[in-house]
């Protein structure tokens, strides 16, 4: 059910939830919001949480011990962007072209050693697009990746009209 959702709260909850896994993996996980207070979007809270959780979970999963994952939020007049940047293994240019394709698994042996179905990102992208947003990636192999999830800032009145 779509309703007003505080995206900042979803990010905090995701970082709290995955903080235990990050700590066990020796990865520093932090959330930095450039704007204090709630950031309200209109959407399905469970679906939006799934996108954020997928981004944070992947970042922690593909970052080596001693690395870091930073979740940031940027708000403009008409949209909000959640960025999850890691110092992980990165994604090759060839794999970046298919990272949102169902069942795609990296050709990188380091990534293949980590369990996954290849469905998380395609589902997350579908959810982002169904909410009028986007999900994208910039990455450098061996350096890290940044996933960017954008959503329009709007009210339920805007969405209904």
N, C-alpha and C. Protein backbone atom coordinates (compact mmCIF):
# COMPACT_ATOMS: atom_id res chain seq x y z
N UNK A 1 0.84 -1.18 0.00
CA UNK A 1 0.00 0.00 0.00
C UNK A 1 0.88 1.25 0.00
N UNK A 2 0.70 2.10 -0.96
CA UNK A 2 1.51 3.31 -1.04
C UNK A 2 0.98 4.38 -0.11
N UNK A 3 1.94 5.04 0.54
CA UNK A 3 1.61 6.10 1.50
C UNK A 3 2.84 6.97 1.68
N UNK A 4 2.73 8.01 2.50
CA UNK A 4 3.89 8.85 2.81
C UNK A 4 4.90 8.01 3.60
N UNK A 5 6.15 8.06 3.18
CA UNK A 5 7.22 7.26 3.79
C UNK A 5 8.42 8.17 4.05
N UNK A 6 9.01 8.05 5.23
CA UNK A 6 10.23 8.79 5.55
C UNK A 6 11.42 7.97 5.06
N UNK A 7 12.00 8.39 3.95
CA UNK A 7 13.11 7.65 3.35
C UNK A 7 14.35 7.68 4.24
N UNK A 8 14.54 8.78 4.97
CA UNK A 8 15.68 8.86 5.89
C UNK A 8 15.56 7.78 6.97
N UNK A 9 14.34 7.57 7.45
CA UNK A 9 14.10 6.54 8.47
C UNK A 9 14.39 5.14 7.91
N UNK A 10 14.00 4.90 6.64
CA UNK A 10 14.30 3.61 6.01
C UNK A 10 15.80 3.38 5.90
N UNK A 11 16.53 4.43 5.56
CA UNK A 11 17.99 4.31 5.45
C UNK A 11 18.61 4.01 6.81
N UNK A 12 18.16 4.72 7.84
CA UNK A 12 18.68 4.47 9.20
C UNK A 12 18.38 3.04 9.63
N UNK A 13 17.18 2.56 9.34
CA UNK A 13 16.80 1.20 9.73
C UNK A 13 17.66 0.17 8.99
N UNK A 14 17.95 0.42 7.73
CA UNK A 14 18.77 -0.50 6.95
C UNK A 14 20.20 -0.55 7.49
N UNK A 15 20.75 0.62 7.79
CA UNK A 15 22.11 0.67 8.34
C UNK A 15 22.15 -0.01 9.71
N UNK A 16 21.11 0.20 10.53
CA UNK A 16 21.05 -0.49 11.82
C UNK A 16 20.98 -2.00 11.63
N UNK A 17 20.09 -2.44 10.74
CA UNK A 17 19.88 -3.86 10.49
C UNK A 17 21.15 -4.54 9.97
N UNK A 18 21.81 -3.91 9.00
CA UNK A 18 22.97 -4.52 8.36
C UNK A 18 24.28 -4.17 9.07
N UNK A 19 24.19 -3.33 10.09
CA UNK A 19 25.38 -2.96 10.85
C UNK A 19 26.04 -4.15 11.53
N UNK A 20 25.22 -5.10 11.98
CA UNK A 20 25.76 -6.30 12.64
C UNK A 20 26.59 -7.11 11.64
N UNK A 21 26.03 -7.32 10.44
CA UNK A 21 26.76 -8.08 9.41
C UNK A 21 28.04 -7.34 9.02
N UNK A 22 27.94 -6.02 8.90
CA UNK A 22 29.12 -5.23 8.54
C UNK A 22 30.21 -5.37 9.60
N UNK A 23 29.81 -5.28 10.86
CA UNK A 23 30.77 -5.39 11.95
C UNK A 23 31.45 -6.76 11.93
N UNK A 24 30.66 -7.82 11.71
CA UNK A 24 31.21 -9.18 11.63
C UNK A 24 32.20 -9.31 10.48
N UNK A 25 31.95 -8.59 9.39
CA UNK A 25 32.82 -8.66 8.21
C UNK A 25 34.00 -7.69 8.31
N UNK A 26 34.04 -6.90 9.37
CA UNK A 26 35.13 -5.93 9.51
C UNK A 26 35.00 -4.75 8.56
N UNK A 27 33.74 -4.41 8.22
CA UNK A 27 33.46 -3.31 7.29
C UNK A 27 32.80 -2.18 8.07
N UNK A 28 33.31 -0.97 7.89
CA UNK A 28 32.72 0.20 8.54
C UNK A 28 31.50 0.66 7.74
N UNK A 29 30.36 0.76 8.40
CA UNK A 29 29.11 1.15 7.75
C UNK A 29 28.58 2.41 8.42
N UNK A 30 28.28 3.44 7.60
CA UNK A 30 27.77 4.69 8.18
C UNK A 30 26.68 5.28 7.29
N UNK A 31 25.82 6.09 7.92
CA UNK A 31 24.76 6.81 7.21
C UNK A 31 24.92 8.28 7.49
N UNK A 32 25.07 9.05 6.43
CA UNK A 32 25.21 10.50 6.54
C UNK A 32 24.10 11.15 5.74
N UNK A 33 23.23 11.86 6.41
CA UNK A 33 22.18 12.58 5.71
C UNK A 33 22.57 14.04 5.69
N UNK A 34 22.56 14.64 4.52
CA UNK A 34 22.93 16.05 4.41
C UNK A 34 21.80 16.95 4.90
N UNK A 35 20.63 16.37 5.12
CA UNK A 35 19.48 17.14 5.55
C UNK A 35 18.95 16.55 6.84
N UNK A 36 18.78 17.38 7.85
CA UNK A 36 18.24 16.89 9.11
C UNK A 36 16.73 16.73 8.96
N UNK A 37 16.20 15.77 9.67
CA UNK A 37 14.76 15.58 9.67
C UNK A 37 14.29 14.60 8.62
N UNK A 38 12.98 14.39 8.57
CA UNK A 38 12.41 13.40 7.65
C UNK A 38 12.50 13.84 6.18
N UNK A 39 12.61 12.86 5.30
CA UNK A 39 12.57 13.09 3.86
C UNK A 39 11.42 12.23 3.35
N UNK A 40 10.30 12.88 3.09
CA UNK A 40 9.07 12.15 2.80
C UNK A 40 8.87 11.97 1.30
N UNK A 41 8.62 10.71 0.93
CA UNK A 41 8.28 10.34 -0.45
C UNK A 41 6.96 9.58 -0.38
N UNK A 42 6.35 9.36 -1.52
CA UNK A 42 5.10 8.60 -1.57
C UNK A 42 5.40 7.26 -2.20
N UNK A 43 5.16 6.17 -1.45
CA UNK A 43 5.44 4.86 -2.00
C UNK A 43 5.10 3.75 -1.05
N UNK A 44 5.44 2.54 -1.47
CA UNK A 44 5.23 1.35 -0.66
C UNK A 44 6.44 1.19 0.26
N UNK A 45 6.24 1.34 1.59
CA UNK A 45 7.40 1.31 2.49
C UNK A 45 8.19 0.01 2.44
N UNK A 46 7.52 -1.12 2.26
CA UNK A 46 8.23 -2.40 2.20
C UNK A 46 9.08 -2.50 0.94
N UNK A 47 8.53 -2.05 -0.19
CA UNK A 47 9.29 -2.10 -1.44
C UNK A 47 10.48 -1.14 -1.40
N UNK A 48 10.25 0.07 -0.89
CA UNK A 48 11.35 1.03 -0.82
C UNK A 48 12.44 0.55 0.12
N UNK A 49 12.04 -0.07 1.24
CA UNK A 49 13.03 -0.64 2.17
C UNK A 49 13.82 -1.75 1.49
N UNK A 50 13.16 -2.51 0.65
CA UNK A 50 13.84 -3.60 -0.06
C UNK A 50 14.95 -3.07 -0.98
N UNK A 51 14.69 -1.94 -1.64
CA UNK A 51 15.71 -1.34 -2.50
C UNK A 51 16.91 -0.89 -1.68
N UNK A 52 16.64 -0.15 -0.60
CA UNK A 52 17.73 0.35 0.24
C UNK A 52 18.50 -0.82 0.87
N UNK A 53 17.77 -1.80 1.41
CA UNK A 53 18.42 -2.96 2.02
C UNK A 53 19.28 -3.71 1.01
N UNK A 54 18.79 -3.85 -0.22
CA UNK A 54 19.56 -4.55 -1.25
C UNK A 54 20.86 -3.82 -1.55
N UNK A 55 20.77 -2.50 -1.68
CA UNK A 55 21.97 -1.70 -1.98
C UNK A 55 22.99 -1.81 -0.85
N UNK A 56 22.52 -1.67 0.39
CA UNK A 56 23.44 -1.71 1.54
C UNK A 56 23.99 -3.12 1.73
N UNK A 57 23.14 -4.13 1.60
CA UNK A 57 23.57 -5.52 1.76
C UNK A 57 24.64 -5.88 0.73
N UNK A 58 24.40 -5.52 -0.53
CA UNK A 58 25.40 -5.81 -1.57
C UNK A 58 26.71 -5.10 -1.29
N UNK A 59 26.63 -3.85 -0.87
CA UNK A 59 27.86 -3.09 -0.59
C UNK A 59 28.67 -3.76 0.51
N UNK A 60 27.99 -4.18 1.57
CA UNK A 60 28.69 -4.86 2.67
C UNK A 60 29.25 -6.20 2.19
N UNK A 61 28.44 -6.93 1.43
CA UNK A 61 28.82 -8.26 0.96
C UNK A 61 30.06 -8.23 0.06
N UNK A 62 30.17 -7.19 -0.77
CA UNK A 62 31.26 -7.14 -1.75
C UNK A 62 32.41 -6.23 -1.32
N UNK A 63 32.45 -5.87 -0.03
CA UNK A 63 33.55 -5.06 0.50
C UNK A 63 34.40 -5.93 1.41
N UNK A 64 35.70 -5.88 1.20
CA UNK A 64 36.62 -6.68 2.00
C UNK A 64 36.77 -6.12 3.41
N UNK A 65 37.26 -6.97 4.29
CA UNK A 65 37.56 -6.55 5.66
C UNK A 65 38.46 -5.32 5.64
N UNK A 66 38.14 -4.35 6.50
CA UNK A 66 38.91 -3.11 6.55
C UNK A 66 38.36 -2.03 5.63
N UNK A 67 37.38 -2.39 4.79
CA UNK A 67 36.79 -1.43 3.87
C UNK A 67 35.64 -0.68 4.52
N UNK A 68 34.99 0.17 3.72
CA UNK A 68 33.88 0.94 4.26
C UNK A 68 32.73 1.06 3.28
N UNK A 69 31.55 1.27 3.85
CA UNK A 69 30.33 1.51 3.09
C UNK A 69 29.70 2.76 3.68
N UNK A 70 29.40 3.71 2.82
CA UNK A 70 28.81 4.97 3.28
C UNK A 70 27.49 5.21 2.55
N UNK A 71 26.44 5.38 3.33
CA UNK A 71 25.12 5.68 2.79
C UNK A 71 24.90 7.18 2.97
N UNK A 72 24.59 7.87 1.87
CA UNK A 72 24.33 9.30 1.95
C UNK A 72 23.00 9.61 1.26
N UNK A 73 22.41 10.71 1.67
CA UNK A 73 21.15 11.14 1.09
C UNK A 73 21.29 12.59 0.66
N UNK A 74 20.86 12.86 -0.57
CA UNK A 74 20.91 14.22 -1.12
C UNK A 74 19.50 14.60 -1.52
N UNK A 75 19.05 15.76 -1.09
CA UNK A 75 17.70 16.22 -1.41
C UNK A 75 17.79 17.50 -2.22
N UNK A 76 17.07 17.52 -3.35
CA UNK A 76 16.94 18.73 -4.15
C UNK A 76 15.48 19.18 -4.06
N UNK A 77 15.12 20.17 -4.85
CA UNK A 77 13.74 20.67 -4.81
C UNK A 77 12.72 19.61 -5.22
N UNK A 78 13.10 18.74 -6.16
CA UNK A 78 12.10 17.81 -6.68
C UNK A 78 12.45 16.33 -6.54
N UNK A 79 13.64 16.00 -6.03
CA UNK A 79 13.94 14.58 -5.86
C UNK A 79 14.90 14.35 -4.70
N UNK A 80 14.94 13.08 -4.29
CA UNK A 80 15.88 12.65 -3.27
C UNK A 80 16.71 11.52 -3.87
N UNK A 81 17.99 11.52 -3.55
CA UNK A 81 18.88 10.45 -4.01
C UNK A 81 19.52 9.79 -2.79
N UNK A 82 19.48 8.47 -2.77
CA UNK A 82 20.20 7.70 -1.77
C UNK A 82 21.38 7.07 -2.49
N UNK A 83 22.58 7.36 -2.01
CA UNK A 83 23.79 6.77 -2.60
C UNK A 83 24.44 5.85 -1.60
N UNK A 84 24.83 4.67 -2.07
CA UNK A 84 25.55 3.71 -1.25
C UNK A 84 26.89 3.49 -1.94
N UNK A 85 27.94 4.02 -1.32
CA UNK A 85 29.29 3.95 -1.88
C UNK A 85 30.13 2.99 -1.04
N UNK A 86 30.85 2.12 -1.71
CA UNK A 86 31.70 1.16 -0.99
C UNK A 86 33.12 1.18 -1.54
N UNK A 87 34.02 0.61 -0.75
CA UNK A 87 35.41 0.46 -1.18
C UNK A 87 35.66 -1.01 -1.52
N UNK A 88 34.64 -1.63 -2.10
CA UNK A 88 34.66 -3.06 -2.37
C UNK A 88 35.41 -3.45 -3.62
N UNK A 89 35.06 -4.62 -4.15
CA UNK A 89 35.79 -5.21 -5.26
C UNK A 89 35.50 -4.54 -6.59
N UNK A 90 34.42 -3.75 -6.66
CA UNK A 90 34.09 -3.04 -7.89
C UNK A 90 33.48 -3.94 -8.94
N UNK A 91 33.03 -3.31 -10.02
CA UNK A 91 32.35 -4.02 -11.11
C UNK A 91 33.00 -3.58 -12.42
N UNK A 92 33.35 -4.55 -13.24
CA UNK A 92 33.98 -4.24 -14.52
C UNK A 92 32.98 -3.52 -15.44
N UNK A 93 33.49 -2.75 -16.41
CA UNK A 93 32.58 -2.08 -17.36
C UNK A 93 31.64 -3.07 -18.07
N UNK A 94 32.15 -4.25 -18.42
CA UNK A 94 31.32 -5.25 -19.10
C UNK A 94 30.19 -5.72 -18.18
N UNK A 95 30.51 -5.98 -16.92
CA UNK A 95 29.49 -6.44 -15.97
C UNK A 95 28.50 -5.33 -15.62
N UNK A 96 28.95 -4.07 -15.63
CA UNK A 96 28.04 -2.96 -15.32
C UNK A 96 26.88 -2.89 -16.31
N UNK A 97 27.14 -3.31 -17.57
CA UNK A 97 26.09 -3.27 -18.59
C UNK A 97 24.97 -4.27 -18.29
N UNK A 98 25.26 -5.29 -17.49
CA UNK A 98 24.28 -6.36 -17.23
C UNK A 98 23.87 -6.47 -15.76
N UNK A 99 24.36 -5.57 -14.92
CA UNK A 99 24.17 -5.70 -13.47
C UNK A 99 22.68 -5.68 -13.08
N UNK A 100 21.82 -5.07 -13.92
CA UNK A 100 20.39 -5.02 -13.62
C UNK A 100 19.60 -6.07 -14.40
N UNK A 101 20.30 -7.01 -15.05
CA UNK A 101 19.64 -8.09 -15.78
C UNK A 101 19.40 -9.27 -14.85
N UNK A 102 18.21 -9.85 -14.95
CA UNK A 102 17.86 -10.98 -14.07
C UNK A 102 18.85 -12.13 -14.24
N UNK A 103 19.25 -12.70 -13.12
CA UNK A 103 20.13 -13.87 -13.02
C UNK A 103 21.57 -13.59 -13.45
N UNK A 104 21.90 -12.33 -13.79
CA UNK A 104 23.29 -12.04 -14.17
C UNK A 104 24.18 -12.16 -12.95
N UNK A 105 25.27 -12.85 -13.12
CA UNK A 105 26.31 -12.93 -12.08
C UNK A 105 27.60 -12.43 -12.71
N UNK A 106 28.37 -11.75 -11.93
CA UNK A 106 29.61 -11.16 -12.40
C UNK A 106 30.54 -12.21 -13.02
N UNK A 107 31.39 -11.74 -13.90
CA UNK A 107 32.44 -12.61 -14.44
C UNK A 107 33.68 -12.57 -13.55
N UNK A 108 33.67 -11.70 -12.54
CA UNK A 108 34.80 -11.54 -11.62
C UNK A 108 34.83 -12.73 -10.65
N UNK A 109 35.94 -13.50 -10.63
CA UNK A 109 36.02 -14.65 -9.72
C UNK A 109 35.83 -14.27 -8.25
N UNK A 110 36.28 -13.07 -7.86
CA UNK A 110 36.08 -12.63 -6.47
C UNK A 110 34.60 -12.46 -6.16
N UNK A 111 33.83 -11.97 -7.11
CA UNK A 111 32.39 -11.79 -6.90
C UNK A 111 31.67 -13.13 -6.96
N UNK A 112 32.12 -14.00 -7.84
CA UNK A 112 31.46 -15.31 -7.98
C UNK A 112 31.61 -16.17 -6.73
N UNK A 113 32.63 -15.91 -5.93
CA UNK A 113 32.83 -16.68 -4.71
C UNK A 113 31.83 -16.29 -3.61
N UNK A 114 31.08 -15.22 -3.84
CA UNK A 114 30.09 -14.74 -2.87
C UNK A 114 28.71 -15.17 -3.34
N UNK A 115 27.96 -15.89 -2.49
CA UNK A 115 26.65 -16.40 -2.91
C UNK A 115 25.67 -15.28 -3.28
N UNK A 116 24.85 -15.57 -4.27
CA UNK A 116 23.81 -14.63 -4.70
C UNK A 116 23.02 -15.23 -5.84
N UNK A 117 21.80 -14.71 -6.05
CA UNK A 117 20.93 -15.26 -7.10
C UNK A 117 20.99 -14.44 -8.38
N UNK A 118 21.47 -13.20 -8.29
CA UNK A 118 21.42 -12.33 -9.45
C UNK A 118 20.04 -11.72 -9.64
N UNK A 119 19.19 -11.74 -8.62
CA UNK A 119 17.84 -11.18 -8.72
C UNK A 119 17.65 -9.90 -7.93
N UNK A 120 18.48 -9.63 -6.94
CA UNK A 120 18.28 -8.48 -6.07
C UNK A 120 18.25 -7.15 -6.81
N UNK A 121 19.25 -6.90 -7.63
CA UNK A 121 19.31 -5.61 -8.34
C UNK A 121 18.22 -5.46 -9.40
N UNK A 122 17.89 -6.49 -10.19
CA UNK A 122 16.78 -6.33 -11.14
C UNK A 122 15.45 -6.03 -10.43
N UNK A 123 15.21 -6.67 -9.30
CA UNK A 123 13.99 -6.40 -8.54
C UNK A 123 14.03 -4.98 -7.99
N UNK A 124 15.18 -4.58 -7.44
CA UNK A 124 15.32 -3.23 -6.89
C UNK A 124 15.11 -2.18 -7.99
N UNK A 125 15.65 -2.42 -9.18
CA UNK A 125 15.47 -1.47 -10.28
C UNK A 125 13.99 -1.37 -10.67
N UNK A 126 13.31 -2.50 -10.72
CA UNK A 126 11.88 -2.51 -11.07
C UNK A 126 11.08 -1.70 -10.04
N UNK A 127 11.40 -1.88 -8.76
CA UNK A 127 10.71 -1.13 -7.70
C UNK A 127 10.99 0.36 -7.85
N UNK A 128 12.24 0.73 -8.08
CA UNK A 128 12.60 2.15 -8.25
C UNK A 128 11.80 2.76 -9.39
N UNK A 129 11.77 2.07 -10.53
CA UNK A 129 11.07 2.59 -11.70
C UNK A 129 9.57 2.66 -11.48
N UNK A 130 9.00 1.69 -10.75
CA UNK A 130 7.55 1.71 -10.50
C UNK A 130 7.16 2.85 -9.57
N UNK A 131 8.14 3.42 -8.87
CA UNK A 131 7.90 4.57 -8.00
C UNK A 131 8.32 5.89 -8.69
N UNK A 132 8.59 5.83 -9.99
CA UNK A 132 8.97 7.03 -10.73
C UNK A 132 10.42 7.43 -10.54
N UNK A 133 11.22 6.50 -10.03
CA UNK A 133 12.63 6.79 -9.76
C UNK A 133 13.57 6.02 -10.66
N UNK A 134 14.84 6.03 -10.27
CA UNK A 134 15.88 5.34 -11.03
C UNK A 134 16.82 4.62 -10.08
N UNK A 135 17.53 3.65 -10.61
CA UNK A 135 18.60 2.98 -9.88
C UNK A 135 19.76 2.82 -10.85
N UNK A 136 20.92 3.35 -10.46
CA UNK A 136 22.07 3.30 -11.36
C UNK A 136 23.34 2.98 -10.59
N UNK A 137 24.41 2.75 -11.34
CA UNK A 137 25.68 2.39 -10.71
C UNK A 137 26.84 3.05 -11.45
N UNK A 138 27.84 3.45 -10.67
CA UNK A 138 29.14 3.80 -11.21
C UNK A 138 30.13 2.97 -10.41
N UNK A 139 31.12 2.43 -11.10
CA UNK A 139 32.03 1.53 -10.41
C UNK A 139 33.36 1.46 -11.13
N UNK A 140 34.38 1.12 -10.35
CA UNK A 140 35.70 0.87 -10.91
C UNK A 140 36.21 -0.43 -10.30
N UNK A 141 36.58 -1.36 -11.15
CA UNK A 141 37.04 -2.66 -10.70
C UNK A 141 38.23 -2.50 -9.75
N UNK A 142 38.14 -3.14 -8.59
CA UNK A 142 39.20 -3.10 -7.60
C UNK A 142 39.19 -1.86 -6.72
N UNK A 143 38.28 -0.90 -6.99
CA UNK A 143 38.25 0.35 -6.23
C UNK A 143 36.96 0.49 -5.42
N UNK A 144 35.84 0.10 -6.03
CA UNK A 144 34.56 0.20 -5.33
C UNK A 144 33.44 0.60 -6.26
N UNK A 145 32.24 0.67 -5.69
CA UNK A 145 31.03 0.97 -6.45
C UNK A 145 30.17 1.98 -5.70
N UNK A 146 29.40 2.74 -6.46
CA UNK A 146 28.39 3.61 -5.88
C UNK A 146 27.07 3.35 -6.59
N UNK A 147 26.09 2.91 -5.84
CA UNK A 147 24.74 2.73 -6.37
C UNK A 147 23.92 3.94 -5.96
N UNK A 148 23.14 4.48 -6.90
CA UNK A 148 22.35 5.69 -6.68
C UNK A 148 20.88 5.40 -6.97
N UNK A 149 20.04 5.61 -5.96
CA UNK A 149 18.61 5.38 -6.03
C UNK A 149 17.93 6.74 -5.92
N UNK A 150 17.21 7.15 -6.96
CA UNK A 150 16.52 8.44 -6.90
C UNK A 150 15.01 8.23 -6.88
N UNK A 151 14.33 9.13 -6.20
CA UNK A 151 12.87 9.13 -6.14
C UNK A 151 12.38 10.57 -6.22
N UNK A 152 11.24 10.78 -6.87
CA UNK A 152 10.68 12.12 -6.86
C UNK A 152 10.13 12.46 -5.48
N UNK A 153 10.28 13.70 -5.09
CA UNK A 153 9.65 14.18 -3.86
C UNK A 153 8.25 14.61 -4.23
N UNK A 154 7.26 13.94 -3.66
CA UNK A 154 5.88 14.31 -3.97
C UNK A 154 4.97 13.85 -2.85
N UNK A 155 3.81 14.39 -2.87
CA UNK A 155 2.82 14.03 -1.87
C UNK A 155 1.82 13.08 -2.46
N UNK A 156 0.98 12.50 -1.62
CA UNK A 156 -0.05 11.60 -2.13
C UNK A 156 -1.01 12.36 -3.04
N UNK A 157 -1.22 13.66 -2.75
CA UNK A 157 -2.09 14.49 -3.58
C UNK A 157 -1.48 14.62 -4.98
N UNK A 158 -0.15 14.82 -5.04
CA UNK A 158 0.53 14.90 -6.34
C UNK A 158 0.40 13.60 -7.10
N UNK A 159 0.57 12.47 -6.39
CA UNK A 159 0.53 11.17 -7.03
C UNK A 159 -0.87 10.85 -7.55
N UNK A 160 -1.90 11.30 -6.84
CA UNK A 160 -3.27 11.01 -7.25
C UNK A 160 -3.67 11.86 -8.45
N UNK A 161 -3.04 13.03 -8.60
CA UNK A 161 -3.46 13.97 -9.65
C UNK A 161 -2.74 13.82 -10.87
